[in-house]
Amino acid sequence: MKDRLIAALALIWVNTATAHQIKAAMTTVLIDPGSAQLEVMHRFHLHDTEHAAEALFGEDADLFNNESDRARFTQYVVGNVALKDEAGKTIPLTLASGSIDGQFFWVIQRAPVPVPLNRLQMRHDALRDIWPTQVNMVNFKTHDTVHTLHFNGDDSWLWVNFSK
C-alpha cells in the first residue's frame, strides 16, 4: 500500500513538473457587430513570457518589476500579430493594454469590425520565433459561433471563414 502511494505521488510530481512543457498561447477574438468592434485578447503563460523576455531583451529582463519590460513584451506581441479583411487590407489594431494577471500575461487589442465580415486573414507569430514548437490557438467568437485557427509549424497567414 505504501509503495502504491509513493508511486502515485511520484507520478503526480512528474506530471506537475512536466505539465507546462508544451509551448502554447490562446487568443480570443470577440466580434460584436453591434458595437462595430473586434476585441483581440492574447493570453500567454507567464512562465513562457518570462523566458521569452530574457531571450528577446537579455537576462536582466523582469516582467514583474519593470514596467518598461512589460511594455517591450507587449509591443513584441503587437508586432507579431496582424489581421486583414477579405480584400487583403490590413485591419488597424489598437493596443488597449498589456498586463500580468495571475499566471498569465495578457495583451488586449481592439479594431473596427470590417464590412463585410465573411472571412478574415490572420498572422500570429508571437513566440514562434523563439520556440519553433510554439502553438498559437485563436478562437473567433461571434454571438452564435466559434471558429478556431491553430498557428504552428510554418503557418503564416491563415483564413477564418464566418460563412460556414
Protein backbone atom coordinates (compact mmCIF):
# COMPACT_ATOMS: atom_id res chain seq x y z
CA MET A 1 0.00 0.00 0.00
CA LYS A 2 2.79 2.41 0.96
CA ASP A 3 4.63 1.60 -2.30
CA ARG A 4 1.49 2.43 -4.30
CA LEU A 5 1.10 5.75 -2.52
CA ILE A 6 4.73 6.66 -3.16
CA ALA A 7 4.39 5.64 -6.82
CA ALA A 8 1.19 7.70 -7.18
CA LEU A 9 2.78 10.75 -5.57
CA ALA A 10 5.85 10.39 -7.79
CA LEU A 11 3.63 10.20 -10.87
CA ILE A 12 1.73 13.32 -9.80
CA TRP A 13 5.02 15.15 -9.19
CA VAL A 14 6.39 14.14 -12.60
CA ASN A 15 3.15 15.21 -14.32
CA THR A 16 3.18 18.54 -12.47
CA ALA A 17 6.84 19.14 -13.28
CA THR A 18 6.26 18.50 -16.99
CA ALA A 19 2.74 19.88 -17.23
CA HIS A 20 3.82 23.06 -18.96
CA GLN A 21 6.36 21.70 -21.40
CA ILE A 22 4.11 22.42 -24.37
CA LYS A 23 4.57 25.98 -25.62
CA ALA A 24 1.11 27.32 -26.37
CA ALA A 25 -0.85 30.54 -26.19
CA MET A 26 -4.54 31.31 -26.54
CA THR A 27 -6.07 34.28 -28.31
CA THR A 28 -9.76 35.11 -28.35
CA VAL A 29 -11.20 37.48 -30.92
CA LEU A 30 -14.61 38.71 -29.80
CA ILE A 31 -16.65 40.01 -32.69
CA ASP A 32 -19.53 42.25 -31.75
CA PRO A 33 -21.17 43.65 -34.87
CA GLY A 34 -23.49 45.69 -32.63
CA SER A 35 -20.56 47.69 -31.27
CA ALA A 36 -18.67 47.55 -34.60
CA GLN A 37 -15.64 46.46 -32.55
CA LEU A 38 -13.26 43.49 -32.52
CA GLU A 39 -11.56 42.76 -29.23
CA VAL A 40 -8.39 40.66 -29.56
CA MET A 41 -7.27 39.15 -26.25
CA HIS A 42 -3.94 37.32 -26.20
CA ARG A 43 -3.23 35.12 -23.17
CA PHE A 44 0.31 33.82 -22.64
CA HIS A 45 1.55 31.69 -19.78
CA LEU A 46 3.59 34.00 -17.56
CA HIS A 47 6.31 31.39 -17.28
CA ASP A 48 6.74 31.48 -21.08
CA THR A 49 6.71 35.25 -21.26
CA GLU A 50 9.43 35.49 -18.60
CA HIS A 51 11.71 33.19 -20.60
CA ALA A 52 10.78 34.92 -23.86
CA ALA A 53 11.58 38.35 -22.41
CA GLU A 54 15.00 37.09 -21.34
CA ALA A 55 15.60 35.67 -24.83
CA LEU A 56 14.40 38.86 -26.51
CA PHE A 57 15.74 41.56 -24.20
CA GLY A 58 18.54 39.89 -22.22
CA GLU A 59 18.98 38.06 -18.94
CA ASP A 60 18.08 41.13 -16.87
CA ALA A 61 14.55 41.40 -18.29
CA ASP A 62 12.00 41.45 -15.45
CA LEU A 63 8.32 41.49 -16.37
CA PHE A 64 7.22 41.59 -12.73
CA ASN A 65 9.20 44.58 -11.56
CA ASN A 66 9.97 46.54 -14.70
CA GLU A 67 7.11 48.33 -16.43
CA SER A 68 9.39 49.05 -19.38
CA ASP A 69 9.98 45.32 -19.94
CA ARG A 70 6.23 44.66 -19.79
CA ALA A 71 5.72 47.40 -22.39
CA ARG A 72 8.50 45.97 -24.57
CA PHE A 73 6.98 42.49 -24.44
CA THR A 74 3.55 43.94 -25.24
CA GLN A 75 5.00 45.73 -28.27
CA TYR A 76 6.70 42.50 -29.32
CA VAL A 77 3.29 40.78 -29.38
CA VAL A 78 1.70 43.70 -31.24
CA GLY A 79 4.44 43.45 -33.88
CA ASN A 80 3.84 39.73 -34.39
CA VAL A 81 0.07 39.73 -34.82
CA ALA A 82 -1.92 41.13 -37.72
CA LEU A 83 -5.39 40.92 -39.26
CA LYS A 84 -6.53 41.54 -42.81
CA ASP A 85 -10.03 41.82 -44.22
CA GLU A 86 -11.23 39.60 -47.07
CA ALA A 87 -9.86 42.05 -49.64
CA GLY A 88 -6.38 41.77 -48.09
CA LYS A 89 -6.45 45.21 -46.48
CA THR A 90 -4.72 45.41 -43.09
CA ILE A 91 -7.10 46.00 -40.21
CA PRO A 92 -5.55 48.53 -37.80
CA LEU A 93 -5.22 47.02 -34.33
CA THR A 94 -5.06 49.47 -31.45
CA LEU A 95 -3.31 48.46 -28.25
CA ALA A 96 -5.62 48.59 -25.24
CA SER A 97 -3.35 47.04 -22.60
CA GLY A 98 -0.60 44.62 -21.68
CA SER A 99 -0.53 43.30 -18.15
CA ILE A 100 0.08 40.45 -15.75
CA ASP A 101 -2.97 38.80 -14.21
CA GLY A 102 -2.31 35.73 -12.08
CA GLN A 103 -0.33 33.18 -14.07
CA PHE A 104 -0.93 34.88 -17.41
CA PHE A 105 0.38 37.81 -19.40
CA TRP A 106 -2.45 39.48 -21.33
CA VAL A 107 -2.24 41.72 -24.36
CA ILE A 108 -5.53 43.31 -25.43
CA GLN A 109 -6.06 44.94 -28.81
CA ARG A 110 -9.10 46.45 -30.50
CA ALA A 111 -10.09 47.12 -34.10
CA PRO A 112 -13.12 48.14 -36.10
CA VAL A 113 -15.21 45.28 -37.47
CA PRO A 114 -14.63 45.16 -41.22
CA VAL A 115 -17.63 45.29 -43.53
CA PRO A 116 -18.42 42.86 -45.00
CA LEU A 117 -17.37 40.26 -42.45
CA ASN A 118 -17.43 36.97 -44.34
CA ARG A 119 -13.85 36.00 -43.56
CA LEU A 120 -10.62 37.35 -42.06
CA GLN A 121 -6.98 36.57 -42.53
CA MET A 122 -4.65 36.46 -39.53
CA ARG A 123 -0.96 36.13 -38.74
CA HIS A 124 0.07 35.18 -35.20
CA ASP A 125 3.82 34.68 -34.88
CA ALA A 126 4.28 35.67 -31.22
CA LEU A 127 6.85 33.40 -29.52
CA ARG A 128 7.16 31.24 -32.65
CA ASP A 129 10.49 32.91 -33.48
CA ILE A 130 11.79 31.82 -30.08
CA TRP A 131 10.30 28.31 -29.91
CA PRO A 132 9.63 26.52 -33.21
CA THR A 133 7.14 24.22 -31.43
CA GLN A 134 5.05 27.16 -30.15
CA VAL A 135 1.35 26.77 -30.96
CA ASN A 136 -0.92 29.82 -31.00
CA MET A 137 -4.60 28.96 -30.96
CA VAL A 138 -7.11 31.65 -31.89
CA ASN A 139 -10.84 31.43 -31.21
CA PHE A 140 -13.05 33.84 -33.14
CA LYS A 141 -16.29 34.23 -31.18
CA THR A 142 -19.44 35.77 -32.54
CA HIS A 143 -22.78 35.78 -30.76
CA ASP A 144 -23.62 32.30 -32.07
CA THR A 145 -20.43 30.55 -33.25
CA VAL A 146 -16.77 29.90 -32.52
CA HIS A 147 -14.19 29.38 -35.29
CA THR A 148 -10.67 28.27 -34.41
CA LEU A 149 -7.28 28.69 -36.06
CA HIS A 150 -4.07 26.92 -34.99
CA PHE A 151 -0.75 28.54 -35.83
CA ASN A 152 2.11 26.06 -35.69
CA GLY A 153 4.98 24.84 -37.82
CA ASP A 154 5.40 27.05 -40.88
CA ASP A 155 1.93 28.61 -40.74
CA SER A 156 1.96 32.26 -41.71
CA TRP A 157 -1.36 33.79 -42.77
CA LEU A 158 -4.48 31.68 -42.12
CA TRP A 159 -8.09 32.36 -43.08
CA VAL A 160 -11.15 32.10 -40.87
CA ASN A 161 -14.47 31.84 -42.72
CA PHE A 162 -17.60 33.03 -40.96
CA SER A 163 -19.99 31.99 -43.72
CA LYS A 164 -19.51 28.28 -42.90
